[in-house]
Amino acid sequence: MLFRSYLAEAFRLLAENVPHAAARYSFVGLALANLFGWSEAGWTAAHNYMWIVHVIISFGFIAYIPYGKFFHFMAAPVVMGLNAADERR
């Protein structure tokens, strides 16, 4: 999921033709943009496609969390907090 974010950022830098000085804080996206090359050839379509794919997969993962094994990421802090509150009583 993280790599898709970097690709979407690289395609955005290419599509908007962002100068290197302005993109220096997006160092991973800038490095990937340099790998792809700074031409004007259809980067807007690639950016839009990558952004849509990234959003669909990210929201799909978020919707899957309550039903999968990743539920413990949300449940563990709540259970720890409730156990700590019970121990104080």
C-alpha atoms as a PDB file:
ATOM      1  CA  MET A   1       0.000   0.000   0.000  1.00  0.00           C
ATOM      2  CA  LEU A   2       2.872   2.335   0.775  1.00  0.00           C
ATOM      3  CA  PHE A   3       4.542   1.776  -2.594  1.00  0.00           C
ATOM      4  CA  ARG A   4       1.312   2.713  -4.389  1.00  0.00           C
ATOM      5  CA  SER A   5       1.323   6.008  -2.498  1.00  0.00           C
ATOM      6  CA  TYR A   6       4.841   6.713  -3.675  1.00  0.00           C
ATOM      7  CA  LEU A   7       3.888   5.858  -7.261  1.00  0.00           C
ATOM      8  CA  ALA A   8       0.843   8.130  -7.095  1.00  0.00           C
ATOM      9  CA  GLU A   9       3.064  10.936  -5.788  1.00  0.00           C
ATOM     10  CA  ALA A  10       5.628  10.351  -8.542  1.00  0.00           C
ATOM     11  CA  PHE A  11       2.926  10.454 -11.205  1.00  0.00           C
ATOM     12  CA  ARG A  12       1.508  13.648  -9.654  1.00  0.00           C
ATOM     13  CA  LEU A  13       4.919  15.300  -9.795  1.00  0.00           C
ATOM     14  CA  LEU A  14       5.244  14.266 -13.430  1.00  0.00           C
ATOM     15  CA  ALA A  15       1.687  15.255 -14.393  1.00  0.00           C
ATOM     16  CA  GLU A  16       1.928  18.701 -12.804  1.00  0.00           C
ATOM     17  CA  ASN A  17       5.539  19.187 -13.930  1.00  0.00           C
ATOM     18  CA  VAL A  18       6.613  20.245 -10.450  1.00  0.00           C
ATOM     19  CA  PRO A  19      10.106  21.788 -10.347  1.00  0.00           C
ATOM     20  CA  HIS A  20      12.784  19.804  -8.525  1.00  0.00           C
ATOM     21  CA  ALA A  21      13.238  22.568  -5.941  1.00  0.00           C
ATOM     22  CA  ALA A  22       9.563  22.421  -4.961  1.00  0.00           C
ATOM     23  CA  ALA A  23       9.519  18.603  -4.887  1.00  0.00           C
ATOM     24  CA  ARG A  24      12.602  18.109  -2.730  1.00  0.00           C
ATOM     25  CA  TYR A  25      10.525  17.306   0.366  1.00  0.00           C
ATOM     26  CA  SER A  26       8.801  14.496  -1.507  1.00  0.00           C
ATOM     27  CA  PHE A  27      12.100  12.701  -1.894  1.00  0.00           C
ATOM     28  CA  VAL A  28      10.757   9.198  -2.599  1.00  0.00           C
ATOM     29  CA  GLY A  29       8.224  10.454  -5.136  1.00  0.00           C
ATOM     30  CA  LEU A  30      10.911  12.644  -6.695  1.00  0.00           C
ATOM     31  CA  ALA A  31      13.317   9.704  -6.977  1.00  0.00           C
ATOM     32  CA  LEU A  32      10.642   7.597  -8.673  1.00  0.00           C
ATOM     33  CA  ALA A  33       9.715  10.499 -10.958  1.00  0.00           C
ATOM     34  CA  ASN A  34      13.360  10.767 -11.982  1.00  0.00           C
ATOM     35  CA  LEU A  35      13.336   7.052 -12.824  1.00  0.00           C
ATOM     36  CA  PHE A  36      10.296   7.480 -15.075  1.00  0.00           C
ATOM     37  CA  GLY A  37      11.621  10.621 -16.747  1.00  0.00           C
ATOM     38  CA  TRP A  38      10.263  14.140 -16.854  1.00  0.00           C
ATOM     39  CA  SER A  39       8.467  14.044 -20.201  1.00  0.00           C
ATOM     40  CA  GLU A  40       4.926  15.287 -20.812  1.00  0.00           C
ATOM     41  CA  ALA A  41       3.776  11.936 -22.194  1.00  0.00           C
ATOM     42  CA  GLY A  42       0.458  11.063 -20.575  1.00  0.00           C
ATOM     43  CA  TRP A  43       1.398  11.347 -16.932  1.00  0.00           C
ATOM     44  CA  THR A  44      -1.946  12.923 -16.060  1.00  0.00           C
ATOM     45  CA  ALA A  45      -3.809   9.763 -17.070  1.00  0.00           C
ATOM     46  CA  ALA A  46      -1.292   7.587 -15.212  1.00  0.00           C
ATOM     47  CA  HIS A  47      -1.672   9.751 -12.099  1.00  0.00           C
ATOM     48  CA  ASN A  48      -5.472   9.589 -12.214  1.00  0.00           C
ATOM     49  CA  TYR A  49      -5.444   5.820 -12.722  1.00  0.00           C
ATOM     50  CA  MET A  50      -2.934   5.245  -9.925  1.00  0.00           C
ATOM     51  CA  TRP A  51      -4.860   7.501  -7.552  1.00  0.00           C
ATOM     52  CA  ILE A  52      -8.134   5.653  -8.201  1.00  0.00           C
ATOM     53  CA  VAL A  53      -6.469   2.244  -7.753  1.00  0.00           C
ATOM     54  CA  HIS A  54      -4.809   3.423  -4.545  1.00  0.00           C
ATOM     55  CA  VAL A  55      -8.094   4.746  -3.099  1.00  0.00           C
ATOM     56  CA  ILE A  56     -10.062   1.602  -3.984  1.00  0.00           C
ATOM     57  CA  ILE A  57      -7.469  -0.743  -2.473  1.00  0.00           C
ATOM     58  CA  SER A  58      -7.018   1.446   0.626  1.00  0.00           C
ATOM     59  CA  PHE A  59     -10.762   1.689   1.303  1.00  0.00           C
ATOM     60  CA  GLY A  60     -11.114  -2.030   0.632  1.00  0.00           C
ATOM     61  CA  PHE A  61      -8.444  -2.725   3.234  1.00  0.00           C
ATOM     62  CA  ILE A  62     -10.158  -0.406   5.724  1.00  0.00           C
ATOM     63  CA  ALA A  63     -13.490  -2.178   5.121  1.00  0.00           C
ATOM     64  CA  TYR A  64     -11.790  -5.571   5.620  1.00  0.00           C
ATOM     65  CA  ILE A  65     -10.191  -4.707   8.979  1.00  0.00           C
ATOM     66  CA  PRO A  66     -13.193  -5.587  11.202  1.00  0.00           C
ATOM     67  CA  TYR A  67     -13.573  -8.982   9.514  1.00  0.00           C
ATOM     68  CA  GLY A  68      -9.960 -10.090   9.283  1.00  0.00           C
ATOM     69  CA  LYS A  69      -6.958 -10.723  11.465  1.00  0.00           C
ATOM     70  CA  PHE A  70      -6.061  -7.028  11.425  1.00  0.00           C
ATOM     71  CA  PHE A  71      -8.913  -6.354  13.848  1.00  0.00           C
ATOM     72  CA  HIS A  72      -6.472  -6.714  16.744  1.00  0.00           C
ATOM     73  CA  PHE A  73      -4.839  -3.431  15.674  1.00  0.00           C
ATOM     74  CA  MET A  74      -8.046  -1.655  16.669  1.00  0.00           C
ATOM     75  CA  ALA A  75      -9.151  -3.949  19.489  1.00  0.00           C
ATOM     76  CA  ALA A  76      -5.874  -4.256  21.405  1.00  0.00           C
ATOM     77  CA  PRO A  77      -5.613  -0.611  22.568  1.00  0.00           C
ATOM     78  CA  VAL A  78      -9.278  -0.612  23.605  1.00  0.00           C
ATOM     79  CA  VAL A  79      -8.902  -3.848  25.576  1.00  0.00           C
ATOM     80  CA  MET A  80      -5.709  -2.590  27.216  1.00  0.00           C
ATOM     81  CA  GLY A  81      -7.451   0.627  28.224  1.00  0.00           C
ATOM     82  CA  LEU A  82     -10.448  -1.220  29.634  1.00  0.00           C
ATOM     83  CA  ASN A  83      -8.208  -3.623  31.551  1.00  0.00           C
ATOM     84  CA  ALA A  84      -6.251  -0.714  32.998  1.00  0.00           C
ATOM     85  CA  ALA A  85      -9.520   0.958  34.061  1.00  0.00           C
ATOM     86  CA  ASP A  86     -10.705  -2.259  35.738  1.00  0.00           C
ATOM     87  CA  GLU A  87      -7.431  -2.601  37.661  1.00  0.00           C
ATOM     88  CA  ARG A  88      -7.855   0.909  39.105  1.00  0.00           C
ATOM     89  CA  ARG A  89     -11.216   0.036  40.656  1.00  0.00           C
END
